[in-house]
N, C-alpha and C. Protein backbone atom coordinates (compact mmCIF):
# COMPACT_ATOMS: atom_id res chain seq x y z
N MET A 1 100.08 94.09 219.02
CA MET A 1 101.04 93.80 219.45
C MET A 1 102.01 95.31 220.51
N LYS A 2 102.95 94.87 221.53
CA LYS A 2 103.48 95.75 222.10
C LYS A 2 104.58 95.53 221.77
N ILE A 3 104.84 96.95 221.39
CA ILE A 3 106.90 96.93 221.52
C ILE A 3 107.52 98.06 221.77
N GLN A 4 108.61 98.29 222.04
CA GLN A 4 109.43 99.52 222.65
C GLN A 4 109.33 100.52 222.20
N GLU A 5 109.25 101.39 223.29
CA GLU A 5 108.95 102.60 223.26
C GLU A 5 110.43 103.21 221.77
N SER A 6 111.50 102.50 221.89
CA SER A 6 113.06 103.25 221.01
C SER A 6 112.23 102.26 219.92
N ALA A 7 111.34 101.77 219.65
CA ALA A 7 111.03 100.89 217.92
C ALA A 7 109.76 102.02 217.77
N GLU A 8 108.92 102.02 218.70
CA GLU A 8 108.39 103.10 217.84
C GLU A 8 108.97 104.60 217.54
N ASN A 9 109.71 104.88 217.99
CA ASN A 9 110.55 106.14 217.67
C ASN A 9 110.85 105.61 216.67
N TYR A 10 111.09 104.99 216.64
CA TYR A 10 112.70 104.76 214.94
C TYR A 10 111.26 104.44 213.48
N LEU A 11 110.15 103.76 214.00
CA LEU A 11 108.97 103.63 212.86
C LEU A 11 108.47 105.19 212.77
N GLU A 12 108.48 106.10 213.37
CA GLU A 12 107.73 107.08 213.82
C GLU A 12 108.62 107.96 212.98
N THR A 13 110.05 108.27 212.93
CA THR A 13 111.07 108.44 211.88
C THR A 13 111.07 108.41 210.36
N ILE A 14 110.93 106.93 210.74
CA ILE A 14 110.85 106.21 209.03
C ILE A 14 109.58 107.10 208.12
N LEU A 15 109.00 106.91 209.10
CA LEU A 15 107.10 107.91 208.43
C LEU A 15 107.38 109.10 208.01
N MET A 16 108.43 109.77 208.99
CA MET A 16 108.24 111.32 208.61
C MET A 16 109.30 111.82 207.63
N LEU A 17 110.40 110.41 207.62
CA LEU A 17 111.21 111.07 206.73
C LEU A 17 111.17 110.79 205.46
N SER A 18 109.89 109.63 205.16
CA SER A 18 109.26 109.00 203.79
C SER A 18 108.30 109.85 203.52
N GLN A 19 107.70 110.89 204.67
CA GLN A 19 106.67 111.91 203.59
C GLN A 19 107.75 113.09 203.26
N LYS A 20 109.08 113.14 203.80
CA LYS A 20 109.82 114.57 203.10
C LYS A 20 110.63 114.01 201.87
N GLN A 21 110.93 112.60 201.56
CA GLN A 21 112.42 112.35 200.26
C GLN A 21 111.54 110.71 200.32
N SER A 22 112.67 110.75 199.27
CA SER A 22 112.24 109.74 198.48
C SER A 22 112.14 108.14 198.58
N TYR A 23 113.32 108.14 199.49
CA TYR A 23 113.74 107.11 200.24
C TYR A 23 114.30 107.01 201.70
N VAL A 24 114.61 106.41 202.34
CA VAL A 24 115.26 106.21 203.69
C VAL A 24 116.36 105.83 203.86
N ARG A 25 116.95 105.86 204.05
CA ARG A 25 118.19 105.22 204.77
C ARG A 25 118.81 104.86 205.91
N SER A 26 119.31 104.14 206.58
CA SER A 26 119.98 104.30 207.69
C SER A 26 120.61 105.33 208.55
N ILE A 27 121.25 106.08 207.51
CA ILE A 27 122.13 107.56 207.71
C ILE A 27 121.20 108.59 207.96
N ASP A 28 120.25 108.78 207.19
CA ASP A 28 118.93 109.27 207.48
C ASP A 28 118.74 109.52 208.38
N ILE A 29 118.07 108.23 209.42
CA ILE A 29 117.51 108.14 210.40
C ILE A 29 118.80 108.56 211.72
N ALA A 30 119.86 107.81 211.40
CA ALA A 30 121.04 108.35 212.59
C ALA A 30 121.24 109.78 212.18
N ASN A 31 121.14 110.54 211.31
CA ASN A 31 121.06 112.12 211.67
C ASN A 31 119.98 112.32 211.92
N GLU A 32 118.51 112.13 211.36
CA GLU A 32 117.70 112.84 212.00
C GLU A 32 117.06 112.66 213.22
N LEU A 33 117.99 111.88 214.26
CA LEU A 33 117.52 111.19 215.66
C LEU A 33 119.00 111.73 216.45
N SER A 34 120.22 111.79 215.89
CA SER A 34 121.09 111.83 216.65
C SER A 34 121.81 110.94 217.10
N PHE A 35 121.92 109.93 216.38
CA PHE A 35 122.27 108.63 216.76
C PHE A 35 123.32 107.79 216.01
N SER A 36 124.37 107.21 216.70
CA SER A 36 124.98 106.55 215.52
C SER A 36 124.78 105.54 215.13
N LYS A 37 125.33 105.51 213.77
CA LYS A 37 125.17 104.50 212.80
C LYS A 37 124.61 102.91 213.37
N PRO A 38 125.79 102.39 214.28
CA PRO A 38 126.06 101.41 214.72
C PRO A 38 124.72 101.37 215.46
N SER A 39 124.24 101.73 216.32
CA SER A 39 123.01 102.01 216.65
C SER A 39 121.65 101.38 216.18
N VAL A 40 121.77 102.64 215.03
CA VAL A 40 120.70 102.50 214.34
C VAL A 40 120.35 101.37 213.16
N SER A 41 122.01 100.36 213.03
CA SER A 41 121.68 99.14 211.99
C SER A 41 121.51 98.51 212.99
N VAL A 42 121.49 98.16 214.38
CA VAL A 42 120.99 97.07 215.27
C VAL A 42 119.76 97.31 215.46
N ALA A 43 119.00 98.81 215.60
CA ALA A 43 117.81 99.03 215.58
C ALA A 43 117.13 98.39 214.24
N MET A 44 117.87 98.61 213.14
CA MET A 44 117.15 98.35 211.79
C MET A 44 116.82 97.00 212.14
N LYS A 45 118.05 96.16 212.28
CA LYS A 45 117.92 94.61 212.06
C LYS A 45 117.08 94.00 212.84
N ASN A 46 116.73 94.53 214.29
CA ASN A 46 115.62 94.24 214.76
C ASN A 46 113.88 94.43 214.27
N LEU A 47 114.03 95.31 214.01
CA LEU A 47 112.59 96.27 212.98
C LEU A 47 112.36 95.03 212.13
N ARG A 48 113.24 94.62 211.36
CA ARG A 48 113.21 93.71 210.25
C ARG A 48 112.90 92.24 210.50
N GLN A 49 113.96 91.94 211.79
CA GLN A 49 113.16 90.74 212.14
C GLN A 49 111.79 90.54 212.98
N SER A 50 111.39 91.44 213.16
CA SER A 50 110.03 91.64 213.92
C SER A 50 109.20 91.85 212.61
N GLU A 51 109.36 92.21 211.42
CA GLU A 51 108.41 92.23 210.16
C GLU A 51 107.87 93.18 210.01
N LEU A 52 108.86 94.73 210.50
CA LEU A 52 108.04 96.08 210.33
C LEU A 52 108.75 96.77 209.91
N ILE A 53 109.86 96.45 209.43
CA ILE A 53 110.42 97.33 207.94
C ILE A 53 110.93 96.27 206.90
N LEU A 54 110.78 96.59 205.75
CA LEU A 54 111.73 96.10 204.30
C LEU A 54 112.94 96.82 204.00
N VAL A 55 114.09 96.39 203.76
CA VAL A 55 115.25 96.92 203.53
C VAL A 55 115.75 96.14 202.16
N ASP A 56 115.90 97.16 201.15
CA ASP A 56 116.16 96.53 200.04
C ASP A 56 117.67 96.24 200.25
N GLN A 57 118.13 95.78 198.45
CA GLN A 57 119.40 95.51 198.49
C GLN A 57 120.19 97.30 198.11
N GLU A 58 119.51 98.32 197.95
CA GLU A 58 120.40 99.73 197.99
C GLU A 58 120.36 100.41 199.71
N GLY A 59 119.70 99.74 200.40
CA GLY A 59 119.83 99.72 201.83
C GLY A 59 118.42 100.78 201.78
N HIS A 60 117.23 100.83 201.33
CA HIS A 60 116.68 101.50 201.53
C HIS A 60 115.19 100.92 201.94
N ILE A 61 114.88 102.09 203.06
CA ILE A 61 114.17 101.01 204.06
C ILE A 61 112.29 101.86 204.01
N THR A 62 111.66 100.54 203.94
CA THR A 62 110.13 100.88 204.13
C THR A 62 109.41 100.33 205.19
N LEU A 63 108.22 100.64 205.44
CA LEU A 63 107.59 100.20 206.26
C LEU A 63 106.46 99.17 206.03
N THR A 64 107.00 98.01 206.41
CA THR A 64 105.80 97.13 206.06
C THR A 64 104.26 97.69 206.71
N PRO A 65 102.92 97.06 206.22
CA PRO A 65 102.01 97.23 206.89
C PRO A 65 101.67 97.32 208.28
N ALA A 66 102.20 96.21 209.36
CA ALA A 66 102.55 96.36 210.72
C ALA A 66 103.31 97.49 211.29
N GLY A 67 104.36 97.46 210.55
CA GLY A 67 105.36 98.86 210.48
C GLY A 67 104.52 100.18 210.67
N LEU A 68 103.65 100.39 209.24
CA LEU A 68 103.46 101.79 209.04
C LEU A 68 102.16 102.02 209.96
N ALA A 69 101.07 100.69 210.46
CA ALA A 69 99.97 100.68 211.16
C ALA A 69 100.48 101.52 213.01
N ILE A 70 101.80 100.69 213.21
CA ILE A 70 102.68 101.48 214.14
C ILE A 70 102.76 103.04 214.40
N ALA A 71 103.63 103.16 213.14
CA ALA A 71 104.42 104.60 213.38
C ALA A 71 102.82 105.47 212.96
N SER A 72 101.96 105.46 212.41
CA SER A 72 101.05 106.12 212.08
C SER A 72 100.18 106.33 213.45
N LYS A 73 100.16 105.85 213.89
CA LYS A 73 99.52 105.42 215.45
C LYS A 73 100.52 106.08 216.13
N VAL A 74 101.66 106.30 216.60
CA VAL A 74 102.29 107.43 217.15
C VAL A 74 102.71 108.54 216.89
N TYR A 75 102.51 108.98 215.27
CA TYR A 75 102.81 110.13 214.72
C TYR A 75 101.45 110.89 215.08
N GLU A 76 99.98 110.25 214.99
CA GLU A 76 98.70 110.66 215.39
C GLU A 76 98.91 111.64 216.63
N ARG A 77 99.80 110.45 217.58
CA ARG A 77 99.71 110.57 219.01
C ARG A 77 100.24 111.73 219.01
N HIS A 78 101.41 111.63 218.36
CA HIS A 78 102.20 112.84 218.53
C HIS A 78 101.68 114.29 217.76
N ARG A 79 101.63 114.18 217.32
CA ARG A 79 100.90 115.78 216.59
C ARG A 79 99.96 116.04 217.09
N LEU A 80 98.74 115.22 217.27
CA LEU A 80 97.79 116.21 218.07
C LEU A 80 98.23 116.65 219.46
N ILE A 81 99.42 115.80 220.24
CA ILE A 81 99.69 116.28 221.23
C ILE A 81 100.28 117.48 221.60
N SER A 82 101.21 117.70 220.64
CA SER A 82 102.11 118.96 220.43
C SER A 82 101.23 120.19 219.85
N ASP A 83 100.04 119.55 218.83
CA ASP A 83 98.87 120.85 218.56
C ASP A 83 98.68 121.37 219.79
N MET A 84 97.96 120.72 220.59
CA MET A 84 97.41 121.10 221.48
C MET A 84 97.93 121.46 222.63
N LEU A 85 99.21 121.15 222.75
CA LEU A 85 100.52 122.05 224.05
C LEU A 85 100.76 123.39 223.05
N ILE A 86 100.55 123.56 221.70
CA ILE A 86 101.30 124.80 221.05
C ILE A 86 99.89 125.83 221.61
N SER A 87 98.58 125.16 221.40
CA SER A 87 97.49 126.09 221.13
C SER A 87 97.13 126.48 222.98
N LEU A 88 97.95 125.59 223.43
CA LEU A 88 97.92 126.21 225.08
C LEU A 88 98.97 127.60 225.53
N GLY A 89 100.13 127.89 224.39
CA GLY A 89 100.62 128.55 224.23
C GLY A 89 102.13 127.94 224.97
N VAL A 90 102.57 126.82 225.22
CA VAL A 90 103.76 125.99 224.57
C VAL A 90 104.51 126.56 223.38
N SER A 91 106.04 126.78 223.85
CA SER A 91 106.50 126.63 222.73
C SER A 91 106.43 125.48 221.69
N PRO A 92 107.09 125.76 220.32
CA PRO A 92 106.91 124.82 219.01
C PRO A 92 107.94 123.52 219.45
N GLU A 93 108.45 123.96 220.35
CA GLU A 93 110.33 122.98 220.65
C GLU A 93 109.53 122.37 221.76
N THR A 94 109.23 123.06 223.00
CA THR A 94 108.91 122.50 224.13
C THR A 94 107.71 121.25 223.94
N ALA A 95 106.92 121.61 223.52
CA ALA A 95 105.34 120.52 222.66
C ALA A 95 105.93 119.89 221.69
N ALA A 96 107.25 119.75 220.99
CA ALA A 96 106.84 118.45 220.33
C ALA A 96 108.08 117.36 221.33
N GLU A 97 108.71 117.95 222.18
CA GLU A 97 109.70 117.11 223.49
C GLU A 97 108.65 116.81 224.01
N ASP A 98 107.66 117.33 224.48
CA ASP A 98 106.59 116.88 225.74
C ASP A 98 105.94 115.74 225.03
N ALA A 99 105.69 115.88 223.55
CA ALA A 99 104.93 115.07 222.86
C ALA A 99 105.42 114.06 222.71
N CYS A 100 106.64 113.93 222.43
CA CYS A 100 107.41 112.64 222.00
C CYS A 100 107.77 111.86 223.48
N ARG A 101 107.48 112.35 224.53
CA ARG A 101 107.48 111.46 225.91
C ARG A 101 106.08 110.61 226.09
N ILE A 102 105.06 111.80 225.81
CA ILE A 102 103.66 111.45 226.70
C ILE A 102 103.22 110.33 225.10
N GLU A 103 103.74 110.78 223.86
CA GLU A 103 102.87 109.64 222.80
C GLU A 103 103.20 108.41 223.05
N HIS A 104 103.82 108.05 224.29
CA HIS A 104 104.14 105.90 223.82
C HIS A 104 103.59 106.07 225.39
N VAL A 105 103.29 107.33 226.36
CA VAL A 105 102.75 106.65 227.34
C VAL A 105 100.94 106.87 227.71
N ILE A 106 100.59 107.42 226.96
CA ILE A 106 99.06 108.24 227.62
C ILE A 106 98.29 106.76 227.18
N SER A 107 97.32 106.53 227.54
CA SER A 107 96.71 104.97 227.28
C SER A 107 95.84 105.46 226.15
N GLU A 108 95.36 103.98 225.17
CA GLU A 108 94.10 104.53 224.35
C GLU A 108 93.16 105.19 224.51
N GLU A 109 92.72 104.77 225.83
CA GLU A 109 91.39 105.67 226.44
C GLU A 109 91.22 106.67 226.35
N SER A 110 92.60 107.69 227.29
CA SER A 110 92.62 108.78 227.06
C SER A 110 93.08 109.36 226.09
N PHE A 111 93.72 108.85 225.46
CA PHE A 111 93.64 110.02 224.35
C PHE A 111 92.59 109.65 223.44
N LEU A 112 92.11 108.68 222.83
CA LEU A 112 90.55 109.00 222.21
C LEU A 112 89.67 110.17 222.72
N ALA A 113 89.53 110.10 224.44
CA ALA A 113 88.96 111.36 225.23
C ALA A 113 89.75 112.35 224.91
N LEU A 114 91.17 112.90 224.78
CA LEU A 114 91.41 113.97 224.26
C LEU A 114 90.98 113.99 222.78
N LYS A 115 90.99 113.30 221.78
CA LYS A 115 91.21 113.44 220.56
C LYS A 115 89.55 114.01 220.43
N LYS A 116 88.88 113.46 220.52
CA LYS A 116 87.45 113.62 220.84
C LYS A 116 86.89 114.91 221.74
N HIS A 117 87.48 115.57 222.46
CA HIS A 117 87.34 116.70 223.30
C HIS A 117 88.27 118.05 222.43
N LEU A 118 89.17 117.51 221.13
CA LEU A 118 89.80 118.61 220.49
C LEU A 118 88.91 118.50 219.08
N SER A 119 88.88 117.87 219.27
CA SER A 119 87.21 117.69 217.77
C SER A 119 86.33 118.41 218.31
N ASP A 120 85.65 118.00 219.62
CA ASP A 120 84.24 118.84 219.78
C ASP A 120 84.80 120.49 220.02
N SER A 121 85.93 120.81 220.85
CA SER A 121 86.32 122.07 220.96
C SER A 121 86.32 122.95 219.66
N ASN A 122 86.89 122.24 218.53
CA ASN A 122 87.18 123.04 217.18
C ASN A 122 86.18 123.63 216.57
N HIS A 123 84.67 122.82 217.02
CA HIS A 123 83.69 123.17 216.57
C HIS A 123 83.08 124.35 217.59
N LYS A 124 83.37 124.26 218.74
CA LYS A 124 82.45 124.98 219.81
C LYS A 124 83.63 126.56 220.22
N GLY A 125 85.04 126.00 219.90
CA GLY A 125 85.64 127.27 221.17
C GLY A 125 86.83 127.85 220.28
N PRO A 126 87.80 128.04 220.97
CA PRO A 126 89.14 128.71 220.71
C PRO A 126 90.26 127.16 220.93
N LEU A 127 90.21 126.39 221.44
CA LEU A 127 91.05 125.82 221.12
C LEU A 127 91.31 124.65 220.25
N HIS A 128 92.05 124.83 219.36
CA HIS A 128 92.27 124.71 218.01
C HIS A 128 93.48 123.19 218.51
N CYS A 129 93.66 122.47 217.16
CA CYS A 129 94.56 121.66 217.09
C CYS A 129 94.33 121.47 215.73
């Protein structure tokens, strides 16, 4: 399923927040992304209708299996690209910003080739991620 970049960012943010805290609420997402609460509420409604998240009566947000699959894929891309750029001497801040853009547009073929190259490089030389 192809979803919009903004939806991928929301799902990735939910995943990252859920790894740091016991539950995720809309306000947590708004604070993390520096977005308005109304904007986040609209996005959460869309993600819920797409069956990518669940929201309980307390407003706690969890990823459905489909949402988790998308979030995990985007987060893996982000981490690998960010780590690669840092290993090349890019500042962590710039690497994270660039990874946020690249993670959405890189093809599956290119990402897998990059991942394989980095994995092979970890066993052979100085480029590690």
